[in-house]
Amino acid sequence: MEILRNVLLVLHIIGFAGIVGGVLMELPKVKAGASKINGAILHSSWLQLVTGLALVGMAYALGNGDFVNNAKIGAKLIVLVVILVLALVYKRKPSVSAGVLGTIAGLAVLNVIFAVFWH
């Protein structure tokens, strides 16, 4: 089970990298009005959601639920849902502003800050 948990954790971290990387790919296109929500942002957001829920579910299933900080997990879930909503709403727009892209990247970094500093 430890191997599965580690695989899920690696995929969760790759999801963060995909969100930030997708934003960084689009930032040079902002001035030309050609930036958009790309697949990296959208699919990585879904990857983070699925793997995050699986990690928490595994902790409870293995009897480690007492060590799960539910407030932290709830806050991270809310932040991720906001990222997903932004990505889904702006996916159909022909162009996305730097503010939206920056908000998505900032929220992804906020989730990492929650993960590292909130025990």
PDB file of N, CA and C in Angstrom:
ATOM      1  N   MET A   1       0.815  -1.207   0.000  1.00  0.00           N
ATOM      2  CA  MET A   1       0.000   0.000   0.000  1.00  0.00           C
ATOM      3  C   MET A   1       0.852   1.262   0.000  1.00  0.00           C
ATOM      4  N   GLU A   2       2.037   1.137   0.573  1.00  0.00           N
ATOM      5  CA  GLU A   2       2.936   2.299   0.616  1.00  0.00           C
ATOM      6  C   GLU A   2       3.352   2.712  -0.792  1.00  0.00           C
ATOM      7  N   ILE A   3       3.536   1.727  -1.671  1.00  0.00           N
ATOM      8  CA  ILE A   3       3.904   2.040  -3.058  1.00  0.00           C
ATOM      9  C   ILE A   3       2.778   2.803  -3.739  1.00  0.00           C
ATOM     10  N   LEU A   4       1.542   2.367  -3.541  1.00  0.00           N
ATOM     11  CA  LEU A   4       0.391   3.056  -4.138  1.00  0.00           C
ATOM     12  C   LEU A   4       0.291   4.483  -3.613  1.00  0.00           C
ATOM     13  N   ARG A   5       0.490   4.659  -2.303  1.00  0.00           N
ATOM     14  CA  ARG A   5       0.450   6.001  -1.724  1.00  0.00           C
ATOM     15  C   ARG A   5       1.530   6.886  -2.335  1.00  0.00           C
ATOM     16  N   ASN A   6       2.718   6.347  -2.512  1.00  0.00           N
ATOM     17  CA  ASN A   6       3.806   7.124  -3.094  1.00  0.00           C
ATOM     18  C   ASN A   6       3.543   7.468  -4.556  1.00  0.00           C
ATOM     19  N   VAL A   7       2.955   6.535  -5.303  1.00  0.00           N
ATOM     20  CA  VAL A   7       2.596   6.814  -6.699  1.00  0.00           C
ATOM     21  C   VAL A   7       1.555   7.931  -6.752  1.00  0.00           C
ATOM     22  N   LEU A   8       0.554   7.852  -5.882  1.00  0.00           N
ATOM     23  CA  LEU A   8      -0.466   8.906  -5.841  1.00  0.00           C
ATOM     24  C   LEU A   8       0.151  10.256  -5.465  1.00  0.00           C
ATOM     25  N   LEU A   9       1.081  10.247  -4.526  1.00  0.00           N
ATOM     26  CA  LEU A   9       1.736  11.479  -4.108  1.00  0.00           C
ATOM     27  C   LEU A   9       2.550  12.083  -5.248  1.00  0.00           C
ATOM     28  N   VAL A  10       3.273  11.241  -5.984  1.00  0.00           N
ATOM     29  CA  VAL A  10       4.039  11.733  -7.134  1.00  0.00           C
ATOM     30  C   VAL A  10       3.098  12.327  -8.181  1.00  0.00           C
ATOM     31  N   LEU A  11       2.003  11.644  -8.467  1.00  0.00           N
ATOM     32  CA  LEU A  11       1.031  12.173  -9.437  1.00  0.00           C
ATOM     33  C   LEU A  11       0.415  13.472  -8.946  1.00  0.00           C
ATOM     34  N   HIS A  12       0.202  13.588  -7.640  1.00  0.00           N
ATOM     35  CA  HIS A  12      -0.346  14.820  -7.072  1.00  0.00           C
ATOM     36  C   HIS A  12       0.629  15.983  -7.285  1.00  0.00           C
ATOM     37  N   ILE A  13       1.911  15.731  -7.070  1.00  0.00           N
ATOM     38  CA  ILE A  13       2.929  16.761  -7.277  1.00  0.00           C
ATOM     39  C   ILE A  13       3.056  17.105  -8.762  1.00  0.00           C
ATOM     40  N   ILE A  14       2.960  16.106  -9.623  1.00  0.00           N
ATOM     41  CA  ILE A  14       2.977  16.362 -11.070  1.00  0.00           C
ATOM     42  C   ILE A  14       1.788  17.233 -11.464  1.00  0.00           C
ATOM     43  N   GLY A  15       0.647  17.034 -10.818  1.00  0.00           N
ATOM     44  CA  GLY A  15      -0.521  17.877 -11.080  1.00  0.00           C
ATOM     45  C   GLY A  15      -0.246  19.329 -10.767  1.00  0.00           C
ATOM     46  N   PHE A  16       0.430  19.596  -9.650  1.00  0.00           N
ATOM     47  CA  PHE A  16       0.807  20.977  -9.317  1.00  0.00           C
ATOM     48  C   PHE A  16       1.729  21.536 -10.389  1.00  0.00           C
ATOM     49  N   ALA A  17       2.728  20.748 -10.781  1.00  0.00           N
ATOM     50  CA  ALA A  17       3.673  21.207 -11.800  1.00  0.00           C
ATOM     51  C   ALA A  17       2.965  21.481 -13.125  1.00  0.00           C
ATOM     52  N   GLY A  18       1.970  20.679 -13.444  1.00  0.00           N
ATOM     53  CA  GLY A  18       1.216  20.884 -14.677  1.00  0.00           C
ATOM     54  C   GLY A  18       0.410  22.174 -14.660  1.00  0.00           C
ATOM     55  N   ILE A  19      -0.165  22.504 -13.518  1.00  0.00           N
ATOM     56  CA  ILE A  19      -0.934  23.756 -13.412  1.00  0.00           C
ATOM     57  C   ILE A  19      -0.002  24.954 -13.597  1.00  0.00           C
ATOM     58  N   VAL A  20       1.074  24.981 -12.831  1.00  0.00           N
ATOM     59  CA  VAL A  20       2.005  26.115 -12.908  1.00  0.00           C
ATOM     60  C   VAL A  20       2.684  26.157 -14.275  1.00  0.00           C
ATOM     61  N   GLY A  21       3.084  24.998 -14.791  1.00  0.00           N
ATOM     62  CA  GLY A  21       3.703  24.952 -16.113  1.00  0.00           C
ATOM     63  C   GLY A  21       2.756  25.411 -17.212  1.00  0.00           C
ATOM     64  N   GLY A  22       1.485  25.016 -17.110  1.00  0.00           N
ATOM     65  CA  GLY A  22       0.499  25.456 -18.092  1.00  0.00           C
ATOM     66  C   GLY A  22       0.297  26.958 -18.075  1.00  0.00           C
ATOM     67  N   VAL A  23       0.306  27.536 -16.881  1.00  0.00           N
ATOM     68  CA  VAL A  23       0.187  29.000 -16.766  1.00  0.00           C
ATOM     69  C   VAL A  23       1.417  29.669 -17.372  1.00  0.00           C
ATOM     70  N   LEU A  24       2.586  29.161 -17.055  1.00  0.00           N
ATOM     71  CA  LEU A  24       3.819  29.752 -17.581  1.00  0.00           C
ATOM     72  C   LEU A  24       3.892  29.657 -19.104  1.00  0.00           C
ATOM     73  N   MET A  25       3.312  28.606 -19.679  1.00  0.00           N
ATOM     74  CA  MET A  25       3.277  28.476 -21.139  1.00  0.00           C
ATOM     75  C   MET A  25       2.402  29.545 -21.778  1.00  0.00           C
ATOM     76  N   GLU A  26       1.369  29.972 -21.072  1.00  0.00           N
ATOM     77  CA  GLU A  26       0.414  30.920 -21.648  1.00  0.00           C
ATOM     78  C   GLU A  26       0.784  32.382 -21.406  1.00  0.00           C
ATOM     79  N   LEU A  27       1.574  32.669 -20.400  1.00  0.00           N
ATOM     80  CA  LEU A  27       1.884  34.068 -20.077  1.00  0.00           C
ATOM     81  C   LEU A  27       2.510  34.856 -21.232  1.00  0.00           C
ATOM     82  N   PRO A  28       3.418  34.298 -22.032  1.00  0.00           N
ATOM     83  CA  PRO A  28       3.957  35.090 -23.147  1.00  0.00           C
ATOM     84  C   PRO A  28       2.916  35.452 -24.204  1.00  0.00           C
ATOM     85  N   LYS A  29       1.814  34.753 -24.235  1.00  0.00           N
ATOM     86  CA  LYS A  29       0.775  34.990 -25.240  1.00  0.00           C
ATOM     87  C   LYS A  29      -0.239  36.049 -24.808  1.00  0.00           C
ATOM     88  N   VAL A  30      -0.134  36.554 -23.582  1.00  0.00           N
ATOM     89  CA  VAL A  30      -1.140  37.483 -23.054  1.00  0.00           C
ATOM     90  C   VAL A  30      -1.189  38.770 -23.861  1.00  0.00           C
ATOM     91  N   LYS A  31      -0.036  39.365 -24.160  1.00  0.00           N
ATOM     92  CA  LYS A  31      -0.011  40.643 -24.892  1.00  0.00           C
ATOM     93  C   LYS A  31      -0.638  40.523 -26.271  1.00  0.00           C
ATOM     94  N   ALA A  32      -0.498  39.371 -26.894  1.00  0.00           N
ATOM     95  CA  ALA A  32      -1.069  39.169 -28.222  1.00  0.00           C
ATOM     96  C   ALA A  32      -2.552  38.822 -28.155  1.00  0.00           C
ATOM     97  N   GLY A  33      -3.065  38.634 -26.955  1.00  0.00           N
ATOM     98  CA  GLY A  33      -4.474  38.288 -26.807  1.00  0.00           C
ATOM     99  C   GLY A  33      -4.771  36.851 -27.197  1.00  0.00           C
ATOM    100  N   ALA A  34      -3.756  36.005 -27.167  1.00  0.00           N
ATOM    101  CA  ALA A  34      -3.929  34.620 -27.601  1.00  0.00           C
ATOM    102  C   ALA A  34      -3.811  33.625 -26.450  1.00  0.00           C
ATOM    103  N   SER A  35      -3.720  34.117 -25.221  1.00  0.00           N
ATOM    104  CA  SER A  35      -3.586  33.185 -24.096  1.00  0.00           C
ATOM    105  C   SER A  35      -4.930  32.528 -23.809  1.00  0.00           C
ATOM    106  N   LYS A  36      -4.858  31.305 -23.323  1.00  0.00           N
ATOM    107  CA  LYS A  36      -6.084  30.559 -23.036  1.00  0.00           C
ATOM    108  C   LYS A  36      -5.812  29.576 -21.911  1.00  0.00           C
ATOM    109  N   ILE A  37      -6.860  28.935 -21.459  1.00  0.00           N
ATOM    110  CA  ILE A  37      -6.710  27.854 -20.494  1.00  0.00           C
ATOM    111  C   ILE A  37      -6.377  26.605 -21.300  1.00  0.00           C
ATOM    112  N   ASN A  38      -5.138  26.154 -21.179  1.00  0.00           N
ATOM    113  CA  ASN A  38      -4.718  25.004 -21.980  1.00  0.00           C
ATOM    114  C   ASN A  38      -5.017  23.697 -21.247  1.00  0.00           C
ATOM    115  N   GLY A  39      -4.772  22.608 -21.950  1.00  0.00           N
ATOM    116  CA  GLY A  39      -5.038  21.298 -21.385  1.00  0.00           C
ATOM    117  C   GLY A  39      -4.215  20.988 -20.154  1.00  0.00           C
ATOM    118  N   ALA A  40      -2.997  21.524 -20.111  1.00  0.00           N
ATOM    119  CA  ALA A  40      -2.142  21.276 -18.941  1.00  0.00           C
ATOM    120  C   ALA A  40      -2.797  21.809 -17.675  1.00  0.00           C
ATOM    121  N   ILE A  41      -3.364  22.982 -17.744  1.00  0.00           N
ATOM    122  CA  ILE A  41      -4.007  23.579 -16.570  1.00  0.00           C
ATOM    123  C   ILE A  41      -5.243  22.772 -16.177  1.00  0.00           C
ATOM    124  N   LEU A  42      -6.080  22.506 -17.133  1.00  0.00           N
ATOM    125  CA  LEU A  42      -7.351  21.834 -16.852  1.00  0.00           C
ATOM    126  C   LEU A  42      -7.137  20.394 -16.382  1.00  0.00           C
ATOM    127  N   HIS A  43      -6.357  19.629 -17.110  1.00  0.00           N
ATOM    128  CA  HIS A  43      -6.174  18.220 -16.766  1.00  0.00           C
ATOM    129  C   HIS A  43      -5.355  18.045 -15.491  1.00  0.00           C
ATOM    130  N   SER A  44      -4.410  18.938 -15.269  1.00  0.00           N
ATOM    131  CA  SER A  44      -3.626  18.863 -14.034  1.00  0.00           C
ATOM    132  C   SER A  44      -4.479  19.203 -12.818  1.00  0.00           C
ATOM    133  N   SER A  45      -5.444  20.090 -12.986  1.00  0.00           N
ATOM    134  CA  SER A  45      -6.361  20.400 -11.885  1.00  0.00           C
ATOM    135  C   SER A  45      -7.182  19.167 -11.519  1.00  0.00           C
ATOM    136  N   TRP A  46      -7.678  18.474 -12.531  1.00  0.00           N
ATOM    137  CA  TRP A  46      -8.431  17.252 -12.278  1.00  0.00           C
ATOM    138  C   TRP A  46      -7.537  16.187 -11.641  1.00  0.00           C
ATOM    139  N   LEU A  47      -6.285  16.094 -12.118  1.00  0.00           N
ATOM    140  CA  LEU A  47      -5.344  15.131 -11.556  1.00  0.00           C
ATOM    141  C   LEU A  47      -5.115  15.410 -10.077  1.00  0.00           C
ATOM    142  N   GLN A  48      -4.949  16.677  -9.723  1.00  0.00           N
ATOM    143  CA  GLN A  48      -4.753  17.028  -8.322  1.00  0.00           C
ATOM    144  C   GLN A  48      -5.979  16.654  -7.489  1.00  0.00           C
ATOM    145  N   LEU A  49      -7.160  16.900  -8.004  1.00  0.00           N
ATOM    146  CA  LEU A  49      -8.375  16.578  -7.265  1.00  0.00           C
ATOM    147  C   LEU A  49      -8.487  15.073  -7.020  1.00  0.00           C
ATOM    148  N   VAL A  50      -8.336  14.295  -8.070  1.00  0.00           N
ATOM    149  CA  VAL A  50      -8.500  12.840  -7.953  1.00  0.00           C
ATOM    150  C   VAL A  50      -7.432  12.246  -7.036  1.00  0.00           C
ATOM    151  N   THR A  51      -6.182  12.629  -7.233  1.00  0.00           N
ATOM    152  CA  THR A  51      -5.120  12.045  -6.412  1.00  0.00           C
ATOM    153  C   THR A  51      -5.195  12.536  -4.969  1.00  0.00           C
ATOM    154  N   GLY A  52      -5.591  13.777  -4.759  1.00  0.00           N
ATOM    155  CA  GLY A  52      -5.745  14.289  -3.397  1.00  0.00           C
ATOM    156  C   GLY A  52      -6.825  13.548  -2.637  1.00  0.00           C
ATOM    157  N   LEU A  53      -7.962  13.341  -3.283  1.00  0.00           N
ATOM    158  CA  LEU A  53      -9.043  12.595  -2.639  1.00  0.00           C
ATOM    159  C   LEU A  53      -8.633  11.143  -2.392  1.00  0.00           C
ATOM    160  N   ALA A  54      -7.894  10.563  -3.326  1.00  0.00           N
ATOM    161  CA  ALA A  54      -7.429   9.185  -3.147  1.00  0.00           C
ATOM    162  C   ALA A  54      -6.445   9.085  -1.983  1.00  0.00           C
ATOM    163  N   LEU A  55      -5.571  10.063  -1.847  1.00  0.00           N
ATOM    164  CA  LEU A  55      -4.613  10.050  -0.739  1.00  0.00           C
ATOM    165  C   LEU A  55      -5.327  10.134   0.611  1.00  0.00           C
ATOM    166  N   VAL A  56      -6.315  11.006   0.709  1.00  0.00           N
ATOM    167  CA  VAL A  56      -7.063  11.127   1.966  1.00  0.00           C
ATOM    168  C   VAL A  56      -7.864   9.854   2.214  1.00  0.00           C
ATOM    169  N   GLY A  57      -8.489   9.322   1.178  1.00  0.00           N
ATOM    170  CA  GLY A  57      -9.241   8.076   1.320  1.00  0.00           C
ATOM    171  C   GLY A  57      -8.365   6.925   1.767  1.00  0.00           C
ATOM    172  N   MET A  58      -7.160   6.846   1.228  1.00  0.00           N
ATOM    173  CA  MET A  58      -6.233   5.789   1.646  1.00  0.00           C
ATOM    174  C   MET A  58      -5.831   5.955   3.102  1.00  0.00           C
ATOM    175  N   ALA A  59      -5.623   7.185   3.535  1.00  0.00           N
ATOM    176  CA  ALA A  59      -5.242   7.409   4.936  1.00  0.00           C
ATOM    177  C   ALA A  59      -6.334   6.891   5.862  1.00  0.00           C
ATOM    178  N   TYR A  60      -7.582   7.176   5.540  1.00  0.00           N
ATOM    179  CA  TYR A  60      -8.684   6.685   6.374  1.00  0.00           C
ATOM    180  C   TYR A  60      -8.835   5.162   6.261  1.00  0.00           C
ATOM    181  N   ALA A  61      -8.673   4.633   5.058  1.00  0.00           N
ATOM    182  CA  ALA A  61      -8.836   3.194   4.865  1.00  0.00           C
ATOM    183  C   ALA A  61      -7.763   2.387   5.598  1.00  0.00           C
ATOM    184  N   LEU A  62      -6.576   2.949   5.710  1.00  0.00           N
ATOM    185  CA  LEU A  62      -5.482   2.251   6.387  1.00  0.00           C
ATOM    186  C   LEU A  62      -5.451   2.508   7.882  1.00  0.00           C
ATOM    187  N   GLY A  63      -6.443   3.231   8.385  1.00  0.00           N
ATOM    188  CA  GLY A  63      -6.510   3.481   9.818  1.00  0.00           C
ATOM    189  C   GLY A  63      -5.674   4.658  10.278  1.00  0.00           C
ATOM    190  N   ASN A  64      -5.224   5.482   9.359  1.00  0.00           N
ATOM    191  CA  ASN A  64      -4.425   6.657   9.709  1.00  0.00           C
ATOM    192  C   ASN A  64      -5.264   7.928   9.718  1.00  0.00           C
ATOM    193  N   GLY A  65      -6.561   7.787   9.795  1.00  0.00           N
ATOM    194  CA  GLY A  65      -7.457   8.938   9.755  1.00  0.00           C
ATOM    195  C   GLY A  65      -7.263   9.907  10.899  1.00  0.00           C
ATOM    196  N   ASP A  66      -6.735   9.410  12.016  1.00  0.00           N
ATOM    197  CA  ASP A  66      -6.491  10.299  13.157  1.00  0.00           C
ATOM    198  C   ASP A  66      -5.401  11.317  12.863  1.00  0.00           C
ATOM    199  N   PHE A  67      -4.548  11.008  11.890  1.00  0.00           N
ATOM    200  CA  PHE A  67      -3.435  11.895  11.559  1.00  0.00           C
ATOM    201  C   PHE A  67      -3.772  12.867  10.432  1.00  0.00           C
ATOM    202  N   VAL A  68      -4.971  12.763   9.873  1.00  0.00           N
ATOM    203  CA  VAL A  68      -5.387  13.645   8.783  1.00  0.00           C
ATOM    204  C   VAL A  68      -5.936  14.936   9.380  1.00  0.00           C
ATOM    205  N   ASN A  69      -5.399  16.054   8.934  1.00  0.00           N
ATOM    206  CA  ASN A  69      -5.883  17.360   9.367  1.00  0.00           C
ATOM    207  C   ASN A  69      -7.033  17.753   8.437  1.00  0.00           C
ATOM    208  N   ASN A  70      -8.262  17.527   8.897  1.00  0.00           N
ATOM    209  CA  ASN A  70      -9.430  17.750   8.042  1.00  0.00           C
ATOM    210  C   ASN A  70      -9.616  19.218   7.675  1.00  0.00           C
ATOM    211  N   ALA A  71      -9.219  20.127   8.542  1.00  0.00           N
ATOM    212  CA  ALA A  71      -9.321  21.552   8.214  1.00  0.00           C
ATOM    213  C   ALA A  71      -8.396  21.889   7.050  1.00  0.00           C
ATOM    214  N   LYS A  72      -7.182  21.362   7.090  1.00  0.00           N
ATOM    215  CA  LYS A  72      -6.225  21.606   6.007  1.00  0.00           C
ATOM    216  C   LYS A  72      -6.733  21.002   4.700  1.00  0.00           C
ATOM    217  N   ILE A  73      -7.214  19.770   4.768  1.00  0.00           N
ATOM    218  CA  ILE A  73      -7.713  19.107   3.567  1.00  0.00           C
ATOM    219  C   ILE A  73      -8.913  19.868   3.006  1.00  0.00           C
ATOM    220  N   GLY A  74      -9.784  20.351   3.883  1.00  0.00           N
ATOM    221  CA  GLY A  74     -10.936  21.138   3.425  1.00  0.00           C
ATOM    222  C   GLY A  74     -10.518  22.430   2.760  1.00  0.00           C
ATOM    223  N   ALA A  75      -9.539  23.116   3.347  1.00  0.00           N
ATOM    224  CA  ALA A  75      -9.060  24.372   2.751  1.00  0.00           C
ATOM    225  C   ALA A  75      -8.409  24.103   1.399  1.00  0.00           C
ATOM    226  N   LYS A  76      -7.602  23.045   1.310  1.00  0.00           N
ATOM    227  CA  LYS A  76      -6.959  22.703   0.045  1.00  0.00           C
ATOM    228  C   LYS A  76      -8.001  22.327  -1.006  1.00  0.00           C
ATOM    229  N   LEU A  77      -9.054  21.644  -0.593  1.00  0.00           N
ATOM    230  CA  LEU A  77     -10.111  21.264  -1.513  1.00  0.00           C
ATOM    231  C   LEU A  77     -10.841  22.494  -2.043  1.00  0.00           C
ATOM    232  N   ILE A  78     -11.127  23.439  -1.171  1.00  0.00           N
ATOM    233  CA  ILE A  78     -11.799  24.672  -1.600  1.00  0.00           C
ATOM    234  C   ILE A  78     -10.938  25.431  -2.613  1.00  0.00           C
ATOM    235  N   VAL A  79      -9.649  25.555  -2.312  1.00  0.00           N
ATOM    236  CA  VAL A  79      -8.743  26.256  -3.233  1.00  0.00           C
ATOM    237  C   VAL A  79      -8.712  25.538  -4.580  1.00  0.00           C
ATOM    238  N   LEU A  80      -8.640  24.222  -4.566  1.00  0.00           N
ATOM    239  CA  LEU A  80      -8.595  23.468  -5.813  1.00  0.00           C
ATOM    240  C   LEU A  80      -9.902  23.575  -6.587  1.00  0.00           C
ATOM    241  N   VAL A  81     -11.022  23.594  -5.893  1.00  0.00           N
ATOM    242  CA  VAL A  81     -12.311  23.771  -6.573  1.00  0.00           C
ATOM    243  C   VAL A  81     -12.372  25.143  -7.247  1.00  0.00           C
ATOM    244  N   VAL A  82     -11.837  26.163  -6.594  1.00  0.00           N
ATOM    245  CA  VAL A  82     -11.795  27.494  -7.212  1.00  0.00           C
ATOM    246  C   VAL A  82     -10.927  27.460  -8.472  1.00  0.00           C
ATOM    247  N   ILE A  83      -9.785  26.776  -8.414  1.00  0.00           N
ATOM    248  CA  ILE A  83      -8.939  26.640  -9.600  1.00  0.00           C
ATOM    249  C   ILE A  83      -9.708  25.942 -10.716  1.00  0.00           C
ATOM    250  N   LEU A  84     -10.390  24.863 -10.382  1.00  0.00           N
ATOM    251  CA  LEU A  84     -11.162  24.129 -11.394  1.00  0.00           C
ATOM    252  C   LEU A  84     -12.284  24.969 -11.988  1.00  0.00           C
ATOM    253  N   VAL A  85     -12.989  25.702 -11.143  1.00  0.00           N
ATOM    254  CA  VAL A  85     -14.075  26.554 -11.642  1.00  0.00           C
ATOM    255  C   VAL A  85     -13.521  27.622 -12.583  1.00  0.00           C
ATOM    256  N   LEU A  86     -12.426  28.272 -12.188  1.00  0.00           N
ATOM    257  CA  LEU A  86     -11.804  29.268 -13.065  1.00  0.00           C
ATOM    258  C   LEU A  86     -11.388  28.638 -14.392  1.00  0.00           C
ATOM    259  N   ALA A  87     -10.771  27.465 -14.324  1.00  0.00           N
ATOM    260  CA  ALA A  87     -10.323  26.803 -15.551  1.00  0.00           C
ATOM    261  C   ALA A  87     -11.507  26.434 -16.444  1.00  0.00           C
ATOM    262  N   LEU A  88     -12.571  25.919 -15.855  1.00  0.00           N
ATOM    263  CA  LEU A  88     -13.729  25.521 -16.654  1.00  0.00           C
ATOM    264  C   LEU A  88     -14.481  26.723 -17.224  1.00  0.00           C
ATOM    265  N   VAL A  89     -14.605  27.791 -16.442  1.00  0.00           N
ATOM    266  CA  VAL A  89     -15.317  28.981 -16.924  1.00  0.00           C
ATOM    267  C   VAL A  89     -14.551  29.663 -18.050  1.00  0.00           C
ATOM    268  N   TYR A  90     -13.240  29.776 -17.886  1.00  0.00           N
ATOM    269  CA  TYR A  90     -12.441  30.500 -18.873  1.00  0.00           C
ATOM    270  C   TYR A  90     -11.948  29.614 -20.010  1.00  0.00           C
ATOM    271  N   LYS A  91     -12.206  28.325 -19.973  1.00  0.00           N
ATOM    272  CA  LYS A  91     -11.787  27.422 -21.054  1.00  0.00           C
ATOM    273  C   LYS A  91     -12.432  27.801 -22.377  1.00  0.00           C
ATOM    274  N   ARG A  92     -13.664  28.245 -22.342  1.00  0.00           N
ATOM    275  CA  ARG A  92     -14.401  28.577 -23.566  1.00  0.00           C
ATOM    276  C   ARG A  92     -14.142  29.999 -24.065  1.00  0.00           C
ATOM    277  N   LYS A  93     -13.459  30.802 -23.280  1.00  0.00           N
ATOM    278  CA  LYS A  93     -13.165  32.173 -23.691  1.00  0.00           C
ATOM    279  C   LYS A  93     -12.062  32.170 -24.741  1.00  0.00           C
ATOM    280  N   PRO A  94     -12.143  33.072 -25.715  1.00  0.00           N
ATOM    281  CA  PRO A  94     -11.095  33.112 -26.744  1.00  0.00           C
ATOM    282  C   PRO A  94      -9.749  33.593 -26.213  1.00  0.00           C
ATOM    283  N   SER A  95      -9.783  34.386 -25.145  1.00  0.00           N
ATOM    284  CA  SER A  95      -8.550  34.902 -24.567  1.00  0.00           C
ATOM    285  C   SER A  95      -8.728  35.059 -23.062  1.00  0.00           C
ATOM    286  N   VAL A  96      -7.640  34.863 -22.332  1.00  0.00           N
ATOM    287  CA  VAL A  96      -7.663  34.949 -20.876  1.00  0.00           C
ATOM    288  C   VAL A  96      -6.646  35.990 -20.445  1.00  0.00           C
ATOM    289  N   SER A  97      -7.003  36.790 -19.465  1.00  0.00           N
ATOM    290  CA  SER A  97      -6.103  37.840 -19.002  1.00  0.00           C
ATOM    291  C   SER A  97      -4.989  37.265 -18.128  1.00  0.00           C
ATOM    292  N   ALA A  98      -3.951  38.065 -17.960  1.00  0.00           N
ATOM    293  CA  ALA A  98      -2.839  37.675 -17.095  1.00  0.00           C
ATOM    294  C   ALA A  98      -3.315  37.544 -15.648  1.00  0.00           C
ATOM    295  N   GLY A  99      -4.330  38.315 -15.281  1.00  0.00           N
ATOM    296  CA  GLY A  99      -4.869  38.241 -13.924  1.00  0.00           C
ATOM    297  C   GLY A  99      -5.477  36.889 -13.608  1.00  0.00           C
ATOM    298  N   VAL A 100      -6.211  36.341 -14.554  1.00  0.00           N
ATOM    299  CA  VAL A 100      -6.813  35.018 -14.351  1.00  0.00           C
ATOM    300  C   VAL A 100      -5.716  33.960 -14.262  1.00  0.00           C
ATOM    301  N   LEU A 101      -4.759  34.031 -15.173  1.00  0.00           N
ATOM    302  CA  LEU A 101      -3.655  33.067 -15.145  1.00  0.00           C
ATOM    303  C   LEU A 101      -2.851  33.194 -13.856  1.00  0.00           C
ATOM    304  N   GLY A 102      -2.596  34.417 -13.433  1.00  0.00           N
ATOM    305  CA  GLY A 102      -1.867  34.637 -12.189  1.00  0.00           C
ATOM    306  C   GLY A 102      -2.632  34.141 -10.980  1.00  0.00           C
ATOM    307  N   THR A 103      -3.943  34.318 -11.002  1.00  0.00           N
ATOM    308  CA  THR A 103      -4.779  33.827  -9.905  1.00  0.00           C
ATOM    309  C   THR A 103      -4.710  32.305  -9.814  1.00  0.00           C
ATOM    310  N   ILE A 104      -4.783  31.641 -10.950  1.00  0.00           N
ATOM    311  CA  ILE A 104      -4.706  30.179 -10.961  1.00  0.00           C
ATOM    312  C   ILE A 104      -3.355  29.718 -10.424  1.00  0.00           C
ATOM    313  N   ALA A 105      -2.279  30.315 -10.895  1.00  0.00           N
ATOM    314  CA  ALA A 105      -0.946  29.933 -10.418  1.00  0.00           C
ATOM    315  C   ALA A 105      -0.784  30.255  -8.935  1.00  0.00           C
ATOM    316  N   GLY A 106      -1.272  31.410  -8.518  1.00  0.00           N
ATOM    317  CA  GLY A 106      -1.173  31.796  -7.112  1.00  0.00           C
ATOM    318  C   GLY A 106      -1.944  30.863  -6.198  1.00  0.00           C
ATOM    319  N   LEU A 107      -3.111  30.435  -6.639  1.00  0.00           N
ATOM    320  CA  LEU A 107      -3.895  29.491  -5.837  1.00  0.00           C
ATOM    321  C   LEU A 107      -3.209  28.125  -5.755  1.00  0.00           C
ATOM    322  N   ALA A 108      -2.570  27.722  -6.849  1.00  0.00           N
ATOM    323  CA  ALA A 108      -1.832  26.457  -6.820  1.00  0.00           C
ATOM    324  C   ALA A 108      -0.673  26.536  -5.823  1.00  0.00           C
ATOM    325  N   VAL A 109       0.028  27.663  -5.820  1.00  0.00           N
ATOM    326  CA  VAL A 109       1.126  27.857  -4.868  1.00  0.00           C
ATOM    327  C   VAL A 109       0.574  27.923  -3.443  1.00  0.00           C
ATOM    328  N   LEU A 110      -0.589  28.544  -3.259  1.00  0.00           N
ATOM    329  CA  LEU A 110      -1.215  28.592  -1.937  1.00  0.00           C
ATOM    330  C   LEU A 110      -1.490  27.183  -1.423  1.00  0.00           C
ATOM    331  N   ASN A 111      -1.915  26.290  -2.305  1.00  0.00           N
ATOM    332  CA  ASN A 111      -2.155  24.912  -1.891  1.00  0.00           C
ATOM    333  C   ASN A 111      -0.867  24.233  -1.431  1.00  0.00           C
ATOM    334  N   VAL A 112       0.232  24.523  -2.079  1.00  0.00           N
ATOM    335  CA  VAL A 112       1.519  23.963  -1.651  1.00  0.00           C
ATOM    336  C   VAL A 112       1.906  24.548  -0.286  1.00  0.00           C
ATOM    337  N   ILE A 113       1.664  25.821  -0.106  1.00  0.00           N
ATOM    338  CA  ILE A 113       1.965  26.461   1.180  1.00  0.00           C
ATOM    339  C   ILE A 113       1.137  25.805   2.287  1.00  0.00           C
ATOM    340  N   PHE A 114      -0.138  25.563   2.039  1.00  0.00           N
ATOM    341  CA  PHE A 114      -0.979  24.862   3.006  1.00  0.00           C
ATOM    342  C   PHE A 114      -0.404  23.478   3.317  1.00  0.00           C
ATOM    343  N   ALA A 115       0.005  22.763   2.278  1.00  0.00           N
ATOM    344  CA  ALA A 115       0.501  21.401   2.455  1.00  0.00           C
ATOM    345  C   ALA A 115       1.783  21.378   3.300  1.00  0.00           C
ATOM    346  N   VAL A 116       2.655  22.348   3.084  1.00  0.00           N
ATOM    347  CA  VAL A 116       3.955  22.313   3.751  1.00  0.00           C
ATOM    348  C   VAL A 116       3.898  22.903   5.155  1.00  0.00           C
ATOM    349  N   PHE A 117       3.212  24.027   5.328  1.00  0.00           N
ATOM    350  CA  PHE A 117       3.302  24.760   6.580  1.00  0.00           C
ATOM    351  C   PHE A 117       2.148  24.516   7.552  1.00  0.00           C
ATOM    352  N   TRP A 118       1.032  23.937   7.104  1.00  0.00           N
ATOM    353  CA  TRP A 118      -0.124  23.748   7.978  1.00  0.00           C
ATOM    354  C   TRP A 118      -0.146  22.293   8.438  1.00  0.00           C
ATOM    355  N   HIS A 119       0.104  22.074   9.687  1.00  0.00           N
ATOM    356  CA  HIS A 119       0.170  20.698  10.212  1.00  0.00           C
ATOM    357  C   HIS A 119      -1.044  20.374  11.002  1.00  0.00           C
TER     358      HIS A 119
END
